[in-house]
Amino acid sequence: MKFYIINPKPYFLHKVLATLIDYAIYFVVYYVYIYVFNESTEPGKMIVNNLMVLPLILFWFIYFVVLEAANSCTPGHDILKLKVYKTDGGKPSFSDVLKRRLLDPIDIFMYGIPAFISISKTDKHQRLGDLWADTVVIKPADITVKEVTF
């Protein structure tokens, strides 16, 4: 039987940079899409409406939820060698990743203040989304595997 011992570290800078990379990629795609499929006739104004918004939502879902569920990390987190694990050391499920990401607006878009407070005040350095999903963002080296035989 294997036991996973997690020794999480805060990795503030790594987490911020990974998030900035991920959302920079998302917003580049977002702005290019809106520029290409602009429905406004007014100069300087760009709008997409109705079903034309669906690909933007789909891209967010695939980029953040599906990639993280499949690889335990997004490209930004992968660049900085961070991965998402369950607090028991296992791989997060699809629903765990979805829970984490549904709280991104609270954690990230309020200038990251809730995330910074949460990461600094919790024992496992988790942001709100991680607390809800029972996950941690750490480097694989932070996990020690102990094997017990009977």
N, C-alpha and C. Protein backbone atom coordinates (compact mmCIF):
# COMPACT_ATOMS: atom_id res chain seq x y z
N MET A 1 0.84 -1.16 0.00
CA MET A 1 0.00 0.00 0.00
C MET A 1 0.90 1.24 0.00
N LYS A 2 0.52 2.22 -0.78
CA LYS A 2 1.30 3.45 -0.87
C LYS A 2 0.60 4.59 -0.14
N PHE A 3 1.38 5.35 0.60
CA PHE A 3 0.89 6.55 1.26
C PHE A 3 1.65 7.73 0.69
N TYR A 4 0.92 8.79 0.40
CA TYR A 4 1.54 10.00 -0.14
C TYR A 4 1.59 11.06 0.95
N ILE A 5 2.79 11.54 1.22
CA ILE A 5 2.96 12.59 2.22
C ILE A 5 3.27 13.88 1.46
N ILE A 6 2.40 14.86 1.63
CA ILE A 6 2.55 16.12 0.91
C ILE A 6 3.12 17.17 1.85
N ASN A 7 4.18 17.82 1.37
CA ASN A 7 4.80 18.91 2.11
C ASN A 7 4.69 20.17 1.25
N PRO A 8 3.51 20.80 1.23
CA PRO A 8 3.29 21.93 0.32
C PRO A 8 4.05 23.19 0.75
N LYS A 9 4.48 23.92 -0.25
CA LYS A 9 5.12 25.22 -0.04
C LYS A 9 4.25 26.26 -0.73
N PRO A 10 4.33 27.53 -0.31
CA PRO A 10 3.41 28.53 -0.88
C PRO A 10 3.61 28.81 -2.37
N TYR A 11 4.85 28.87 -2.86
CA TYR A 11 5.13 29.17 -4.27
C TYR A 11 4.34 30.36 -4.79
N PHE A 12 4.28 31.45 -4.01
CA PHE A 12 3.51 32.63 -4.42
C PHE A 12 3.89 33.10 -5.82
N LEU A 13 5.17 33.35 -6.03
CA LEU A 13 5.61 33.90 -7.32
C LEU A 13 5.33 32.95 -8.46
N HIS A 14 5.59 31.67 -8.25
CA HIS A 14 5.33 30.68 -9.30
C HIS A 14 3.84 30.62 -9.66
N LYS A 15 3.00 30.65 -8.63
CA LYS A 15 1.55 30.58 -8.89
C LYS A 15 1.05 31.83 -9.61
N VAL A 16 1.56 32.99 -9.22
CA VAL A 16 1.16 34.23 -9.89
C VAL A 16 1.62 34.23 -11.34
N LEU A 17 2.87 33.86 -11.58
CA LEU A 17 3.39 33.83 -12.96
C LEU A 17 2.64 32.81 -13.81
N ALA A 18 2.37 31.64 -13.26
CA ALA A 18 1.63 30.61 -14.01
C ALA A 18 0.24 31.11 -14.39
N THR A 19 -0.43 31.76 -13.45
CA THR A 19 -1.76 32.30 -13.72
C THR A 19 -1.70 33.41 -14.76
N LEU A 20 -0.70 34.27 -14.65
CA LEU A 20 -0.54 35.34 -15.65
C LEU A 20 -0.28 34.77 -17.04
N ILE A 21 0.53 33.74 -17.14
CA ILE A 21 0.79 33.10 -18.44
C ILE A 21 -0.50 32.52 -18.99
N ASP A 22 -1.22 31.77 -18.16
CA ASP A 22 -2.45 31.13 -18.63
C ASP A 22 -3.49 32.14 -19.09
N TYR A 23 -3.72 33.17 -18.29
CA TYR A 23 -4.73 34.14 -18.68
C TYR A 23 -4.25 35.07 -19.79
N ALA A 24 -2.95 35.26 -19.94
CA ALA A 24 -2.43 36.03 -21.09
C ALA A 24 -2.73 35.26 -22.38
N ILE A 25 -2.50 33.97 -22.36
CA ILE A 25 -2.82 33.14 -23.53
C ILE A 25 -4.31 33.21 -23.82
N TYR A 26 -5.12 33.06 -22.79
CA TYR A 26 -6.57 33.11 -22.99
C TYR A 26 -7.01 34.46 -23.56
N PHE A 27 -6.51 35.56 -23.00
CA PHE A 27 -6.95 36.87 -23.47
C PHE A 27 -6.43 37.22 -24.85
N VAL A 28 -5.29 36.70 -25.25
CA VAL A 28 -4.82 36.89 -26.64
C VAL A 28 -5.80 36.22 -27.59
N VAL A 29 -6.17 34.98 -27.29
CA VAL A 29 -7.15 34.28 -28.13
C VAL A 29 -8.48 35.02 -28.11
N TYR A 30 -8.90 35.48 -26.94
CA TYR A 30 -10.15 36.21 -26.76
C TYR A 30 -10.19 37.45 -27.65
N TYR A 31 -9.13 38.28 -27.59
CA TYR A 31 -9.12 39.53 -28.37
C TYR A 31 -8.98 39.28 -29.86
N VAL A 32 -8.20 38.30 -30.25
CA VAL A 32 -8.09 37.97 -31.68
C VAL A 32 -9.44 37.50 -32.20
N TYR A 33 -10.11 36.66 -31.43
CA TYR A 33 -11.43 36.16 -31.83
C TYR A 33 -12.42 37.31 -31.99
N ILE A 34 -12.47 38.20 -31.02
CA ILE A 34 -13.40 39.33 -31.09
C ILE A 34 -13.04 40.26 -32.25
N TYR A 35 -11.76 40.44 -32.50
CA TYR A 35 -11.33 41.28 -33.63
C TYR A 35 -11.76 40.67 -34.96
N VAL A 36 -11.57 39.37 -35.10
CA VAL A 36 -11.90 38.69 -36.36
C VAL A 36 -13.42 38.61 -36.57
N PHE A 37 -14.18 38.35 -35.53
CA PHE A 37 -15.62 38.14 -35.67
C PHE A 37 -16.44 39.34 -35.16
N ASN A 38 -15.86 40.51 -35.20
CA ASN A 38 -16.51 41.73 -34.75
C ASN A 38 -17.83 41.96 -35.50
N GLU A 39 -18.89 42.21 -34.75
CA GLU A 39 -20.20 42.46 -35.34
C GLU A 39 -20.58 43.93 -35.33
N SER A 40 -19.75 44.77 -34.77
CA SER A 40 -20.06 46.20 -34.67
C SER A 40 -19.67 46.93 -35.95
N THR A 41 -20.49 47.91 -36.30
CA THR A 41 -20.16 48.74 -37.47
C THR A 41 -19.49 50.04 -37.05
N GLU A 42 -19.49 50.33 -35.76
CA GLU A 42 -18.86 51.55 -35.26
C GLU A 42 -17.35 51.36 -35.19
N PRO A 43 -16.60 52.36 -35.64
CA PRO A 43 -15.14 52.24 -35.55
C PRO A 43 -14.67 52.24 -34.08
N GLY A 44 -13.72 51.37 -33.78
CA GLY A 44 -13.17 51.30 -32.42
C GLY A 44 -13.99 50.49 -31.45
N LYS A 45 -15.12 49.95 -31.89
CA LYS A 45 -15.97 49.16 -31.01
C LYS A 45 -16.02 47.73 -31.53
N MET A 46 -15.76 46.78 -30.65
CA MET A 46 -15.78 45.37 -31.07
C MET A 46 -16.76 44.61 -30.19
N ILE A 47 -17.66 43.88 -30.85
CA ILE A 47 -18.70 43.14 -30.14
C ILE A 47 -18.93 41.80 -30.84
N VAL A 48 -19.14 40.76 -30.03
CA VAL A 48 -19.69 39.51 -30.54
C VAL A 48 -20.91 39.21 -29.67
N ASN A 49 -21.95 38.70 -30.29
CA ASN A 49 -23.20 38.45 -29.59
C ASN A 49 -23.68 37.02 -29.78
N ASN A 50 -24.61 36.66 -28.93
CA ASN A 50 -25.37 35.42 -29.04
C ASN A 50 -24.46 34.19 -29.15
N LEU A 51 -24.67 33.36 -30.16
CA LEU A 51 -23.91 32.13 -30.30
C LEU A 51 -22.43 32.36 -30.61
N MET A 52 -22.09 33.56 -31.05
CA MET A 52 -20.69 33.86 -31.35
C MET A 52 -19.85 33.93 -30.08
N VAL A 53 -20.48 34.02 -28.93
CA VAL A 53 -19.77 34.04 -27.65
C VAL A 53 -19.40 32.62 -27.22
N LEU A 54 -20.14 31.65 -27.68
CA LEU A 54 -19.96 30.26 -27.27
C LEU A 54 -18.52 29.75 -27.46
N PRO A 55 -17.85 30.00 -28.58
CA PRO A 55 -16.46 29.52 -28.71
C PRO A 55 -15.51 30.08 -27.64
N LEU A 56 -15.75 31.29 -27.18
CA LEU A 56 -14.90 31.87 -26.13
C LEU A 56 -15.08 31.11 -24.81
N ILE A 57 -16.31 30.78 -24.51
CA ILE A 57 -16.60 30.01 -23.29
C ILE A 57 -16.05 28.60 -23.44
N LEU A 58 -16.21 28.02 -24.60
CA LEU A 58 -15.69 26.68 -24.88
C LEU A 58 -14.17 26.63 -24.78
N PHE A 59 -13.50 27.66 -25.31
CA PHE A 59 -12.04 27.71 -25.22
C PHE A 59 -11.59 27.80 -23.78
N TRP A 60 -12.26 28.63 -22.97
CA TRP A 60 -11.92 28.73 -21.55
C TRP A 60 -12.07 27.37 -20.89
N PHE A 61 -13.18 26.70 -21.16
CA PHE A 61 -13.47 25.41 -20.55
C PHE A 61 -12.41 24.37 -20.95
N ILE A 62 -12.07 24.32 -22.22
CA ILE A 62 -11.07 23.35 -22.70
C ILE A 62 -9.69 23.69 -22.13
N TYR A 63 -9.32 24.96 -22.20
CA TYR A 63 -7.98 25.36 -21.76
C TYR A 63 -7.78 25.15 -20.27
N PHE A 64 -8.72 25.58 -19.46
CA PHE A 64 -8.53 25.53 -18.02
C PHE A 64 -9.03 24.24 -17.37
N VAL A 65 -10.18 23.77 -17.75
CA VAL A 65 -10.76 22.62 -17.07
C VAL A 65 -10.28 21.31 -17.70
N VAL A 66 -10.45 21.16 -19.00
CA VAL A 66 -10.11 19.89 -19.64
C VAL A 66 -8.60 19.62 -19.60
N LEU A 67 -7.79 20.63 -19.94
CA LEU A 67 -6.33 20.42 -19.90
C LEU A 67 -5.85 20.10 -18.48
N GLU A 68 -6.39 20.81 -17.50
CA GLU A 68 -5.97 20.56 -16.12
C GLU A 68 -6.44 19.19 -15.64
N ALA A 69 -7.62 18.77 -16.04
CA ALA A 69 -8.11 17.44 -15.65
C ALA A 69 -7.28 16.34 -16.31
N ALA A 70 -6.86 16.56 -17.54
CA ALA A 70 -6.08 15.55 -18.25
C ALA A 70 -4.62 15.50 -17.80
N ASN A 71 -4.00 16.68 -17.58
CA ASN A 71 -2.56 16.74 -17.31
C ASN A 71 -2.21 17.14 -15.88
N SER A 72 -3.19 17.45 -15.07
CA SER A 72 -2.99 18.00 -13.72
C SER A 72 -2.34 19.37 -13.75
N CYS A 73 -2.31 20.00 -14.91
CA CYS A 73 -1.77 21.36 -15.00
C CYS A 73 -2.18 21.99 -16.33
N THR A 74 -2.18 23.31 -16.33
CA THR A 74 -2.38 24.07 -17.56
C THR A 74 -0.99 24.39 -18.13
N PRO A 75 -0.89 24.90 -19.35
CA PRO A 75 0.43 25.22 -19.89
C PRO A 75 1.25 26.18 -19.03
N GLY A 76 0.61 27.18 -18.45
CA GLY A 76 1.34 28.12 -17.59
C GLY A 76 1.90 27.43 -16.36
N HIS A 77 1.12 26.58 -15.75
CA HIS A 77 1.59 25.84 -14.58
C HIS A 77 2.66 24.82 -14.98
N ASP A 78 2.52 24.23 -16.15
CA ASP A 78 3.50 23.27 -16.63
C ASP A 78 4.86 23.93 -16.86
N ILE A 79 4.86 25.13 -17.40
CA ILE A 79 6.11 25.87 -17.61
C ILE A 79 6.84 26.08 -16.29
N LEU A 80 6.09 26.35 -15.24
CA LEU A 80 6.69 26.60 -13.93
C LEU A 80 6.74 25.36 -13.04
N LYS A 81 6.49 24.20 -13.65
CA LYS A 81 6.61 22.90 -12.96
C LYS A 81 5.68 22.74 -11.77
N LEU A 82 4.50 23.34 -11.84
CA LEU A 82 3.49 23.19 -10.80
C LEU A 82 2.41 22.23 -11.29
N LYS A 83 1.89 21.42 -10.38
CA LYS A 83 0.81 20.50 -10.73
C LYS A 83 -0.26 20.54 -9.66
N VAL A 84 -1.46 20.15 -10.05
CA VAL A 84 -2.59 20.08 -9.12
C VAL A 84 -2.74 18.64 -8.64
N TYR A 85 -2.81 18.48 -7.34
CA TYR A 85 -3.01 17.17 -6.72
C TYR A 85 -4.14 17.26 -5.72
N LYS A 86 -4.77 16.13 -5.44
CA LYS A 86 -5.69 16.05 -4.31
C LYS A 86 -4.85 16.17 -3.05
N THR A 87 -5.45 16.55 -1.96
CA THR A 87 -4.69 16.69 -0.72
C THR A 87 -4.15 15.36 -0.20
N ASP A 88 -4.66 14.25 -0.72
CA ASP A 88 -4.12 12.95 -0.33
C ASP A 88 -3.04 12.47 -1.30
N GLY A 89 -2.67 13.32 -2.28
CA GLY A 89 -1.60 12.98 -3.22
C GLY A 89 -2.07 12.40 -4.53
N GLY A 90 -3.36 12.15 -4.68
CA GLY A 90 -3.89 11.57 -5.90
C GLY A 90 -4.14 12.62 -6.98
N LYS A 91 -4.53 12.13 -8.15
CA LYS A 91 -4.84 13.01 -9.27
C LYS A 91 -6.25 13.56 -9.09
N PRO A 92 -6.45 14.86 -9.34
CA PRO A 92 -7.80 15.43 -9.19
C PRO A 92 -8.74 14.93 -10.28
N SER A 93 -9.99 14.77 -9.93
CA SER A 93 -11.00 14.36 -10.91
C SER A 93 -11.46 15.57 -11.72
N PHE A 94 -12.24 15.29 -12.73
CA PHE A 94 -12.79 16.35 -13.57
C PHE A 94 -13.62 17.33 -12.73
N SER A 95 -14.44 16.80 -11.82
CA SER A 95 -15.28 17.67 -11.00
C SER A 95 -14.44 18.49 -10.02
N ASP A 96 -13.33 17.94 -9.54
CA ASP A 96 -12.42 18.71 -8.67
C ASP A 96 -11.85 19.90 -9.42
N VAL A 97 -11.41 19.66 -10.64
CA VAL A 97 -10.83 20.74 -11.44
C VAL A 97 -11.90 21.79 -11.77
N LEU A 98 -13.10 21.34 -12.09
CA LEU A 98 -14.18 22.29 -12.38
C LEU A 98 -14.49 23.14 -11.15
N LYS A 99 -14.52 22.55 -9.98
CA LYS A 99 -14.74 23.31 -8.75
C LYS A 99 -13.66 24.37 -8.56
N ARG A 100 -12.39 23.96 -8.75
CA ARG A 100 -11.27 24.91 -8.60
C ARG A 100 -11.47 26.12 -9.51
N ARG A 101 -11.80 25.83 -10.75
CA ARG A 101 -11.89 26.88 -11.77
C ARG A 101 -13.13 27.74 -11.66
N LEU A 102 -14.20 27.22 -11.09
CA LEU A 102 -15.41 28.03 -10.93
C LEU A 102 -15.19 29.19 -9.94
N LEU A 103 -14.21 29.05 -9.07
CA LEU A 103 -13.92 30.13 -8.12
C LEU A 103 -12.80 31.06 -8.60
N ASP A 104 -12.32 30.89 -9.83
CA ASP A 104 -11.32 31.81 -10.37
C ASP A 104 -11.74 33.28 -10.30
N PRO A 105 -12.99 33.62 -10.63
CA PRO A 105 -13.36 35.04 -10.56
C PRO A 105 -13.18 35.64 -9.16
N ILE A 106 -13.46 34.86 -8.14
CA ILE A 106 -13.28 35.37 -6.78
C ILE A 106 -11.79 35.42 -6.42
N ASP A 107 -11.09 34.33 -6.72
CA ASP A 107 -9.68 34.23 -6.35
C ASP A 107 -8.77 35.18 -7.12
N ILE A 108 -9.01 35.33 -8.39
CA ILE A 108 -8.04 36.01 -9.24
C ILE A 108 -8.42 37.44 -9.59
N PHE A 109 -9.66 37.64 -10.00
CA PHE A 109 -10.02 38.93 -10.59
C PHE A 109 -10.25 40.04 -9.58
N MET A 110 -10.15 39.75 -8.31
CA MET A 110 -10.21 40.81 -7.31
C MET A 110 -8.76 41.14 -6.93
N TYR A 111 -7.94 41.30 -7.96
CA TYR A 111 -6.51 41.59 -7.82
C TYR A 111 -5.76 40.48 -7.09
N GLY A 112 -6.34 39.33 -6.99
CA GLY A 112 -5.69 38.19 -6.35
C GLY A 112 -5.65 38.27 -4.83
N ILE A 113 -6.29 39.28 -4.27
CA ILE A 113 -6.24 39.46 -2.82
C ILE A 113 -6.82 38.26 -2.06
N PRO A 114 -8.01 37.75 -2.44
CA PRO A 114 -8.51 36.57 -1.72
C PRO A 114 -7.56 35.37 -1.84
N ALA A 115 -6.96 35.20 -3.00
CA ALA A 115 -6.02 34.08 -3.18
C ALA A 115 -4.79 34.25 -2.30
N PHE A 116 -4.23 35.46 -2.26
CA PHE A 116 -3.04 35.71 -1.43
C PHE A 116 -3.35 35.47 0.05
N ILE A 117 -4.49 35.96 0.51
CA ILE A 117 -4.86 35.77 1.91
C ILE A 117 -5.04 34.28 2.21
N SER A 118 -5.77 33.62 1.34
CA SER A 118 -6.05 32.20 1.53
C SER A 118 -4.77 31.37 1.50
N ILE A 119 -3.89 31.63 0.54
CA ILE A 119 -2.64 30.87 0.43
C ILE A 119 -1.76 31.10 1.65
N SER A 120 -1.72 32.33 2.14
CA SER A 120 -0.85 32.61 3.27
C SER A 120 -1.42 32.13 4.61
N LYS A 121 -2.73 31.96 4.71
CA LYS A 121 -3.35 31.60 5.99
C LYS A 121 -3.70 30.12 6.13
N THR A 122 -3.65 29.34 5.06
CA THR A 122 -3.99 27.92 5.17
C THR A 122 -2.72 27.09 5.30
N ASP A 123 -2.83 25.98 5.99
CA ASP A 123 -1.67 25.11 6.23
C ASP A 123 -1.09 24.54 4.93
N LYS A 124 -1.96 24.24 3.98
CA LYS A 124 -1.50 23.62 2.73
C LYS A 124 -1.36 24.65 1.60
N HIS A 125 -1.44 25.93 1.93
CA HIS A 125 -1.27 27.03 0.98
C HIS A 125 -2.23 26.90 -0.20
N GLN A 126 -3.51 26.79 0.13
CA GLN A 126 -4.56 26.63 -0.87
C GLN A 126 -5.33 27.92 -1.07
N ARG A 127 -5.71 28.18 -2.32
CA ARG A 127 -6.62 29.29 -2.56
C ARG A 127 -8.05 28.79 -2.36
N LEU A 128 -9.02 29.66 -2.50
CA LEU A 128 -10.41 29.28 -2.21
C LEU A 128 -10.88 28.12 -3.08
N GLY A 129 -10.55 28.16 -4.36
CA GLY A 129 -10.94 27.08 -5.27
C GLY A 129 -10.34 25.75 -4.85
N ASP A 130 -9.10 25.79 -4.36
CA ASP A 130 -8.44 24.57 -3.90
C ASP A 130 -9.09 24.05 -2.62
N LEU A 131 -9.47 24.94 -1.74
CA LEU A 131 -10.15 24.52 -0.51
C LEU A 131 -11.46 23.82 -0.82
N TRP A 132 -12.23 24.37 -1.76
CA TRP A 132 -13.51 23.78 -2.13
C TRP A 132 -13.31 22.41 -2.80
N ALA A 133 -12.29 22.31 -3.65
CA ALA A 133 -12.06 21.06 -4.39
C ALA A 133 -11.17 20.08 -3.65
N ASP A 134 -10.63 20.48 -2.49
CA ASP A 134 -9.72 19.64 -1.72
C ASP A 134 -8.48 19.28 -2.53
N THR A 135 -7.88 20.31 -3.15
CA THR A 135 -6.69 20.13 -3.96
C THR A 135 -5.58 21.08 -3.49
N VAL A 136 -4.37 20.81 -3.95
CA VAL A 136 -3.22 21.67 -3.70
C VAL A 136 -2.44 21.84 -5.00
N VAL A 137 -1.79 22.99 -5.14
CA VAL A 137 -0.92 23.24 -6.29
C VAL A 137 0.50 23.25 -5.77
N ILE A 138 1.25 22.24 -6.17
CA ILE A 138 2.61 22.05 -5.67
C ILE A 138 3.51 21.53 -6.79
N LYS A 139 4.79 21.41 -6.48
CA LYS A 139 5.73 20.76 -7.40
C LYS A 139 5.75 19.27 -7.05
N PRO A 140 5.92 18.41 -8.05
CA PRO A 140 5.94 16.97 -7.77
C PRO A 140 6.97 16.57 -6.71
N ALA A 141 8.04 17.33 -6.57
CA ALA A 141 9.06 17.01 -5.56
C ALA A 141 8.54 17.19 -4.13
N ASP A 142 7.41 17.85 -3.97
CA ASP A 142 6.85 18.07 -2.63
C ASP A 142 6.07 16.87 -2.11
N ILE A 143 6.00 15.81 -2.91
CA ILE A 143 5.28 14.60 -2.50
C ILE A 143 6.30 13.49 -2.21
N THR A 144 6.15 12.90 -1.04
CA THR A 144 6.97 11.75 -0.67
C THR A 144 6.07 10.53 -0.64
N VAL A 145 6.52 9.46 -1.27
CA VAL A 145 5.74 8.23 -1.31
C VAL A 145 6.34 7.25 -0.30
N LYS A 146 5.50 6.77 0.60
CA LYS A 146 5.90 5.76 1.57
C LYS A 146 5.13 4.48 1.23
N GLU A 147 5.86 3.40 1.04
CA GLU A 147 5.20 2.13 0.72
C GLU A 147 5.23 1.23 1.95
N VAL A 148 4.08 0.71 2.28
CA VAL A 148 3.95 -0.15 3.44
C VAL A 148 3.50 -1.52 2.95
N THR A 149 4.20 -2.53 3.40
CA THR A 149 3.80 -3.90 3.04
C THR A 149 3.37 -4.65 4.30
N PHE A 150 2.44 -5.55 4.13
CA PHE A 150 1.94 -6.31 5.25
C PHE A 150 2.35 -7.75 5.12
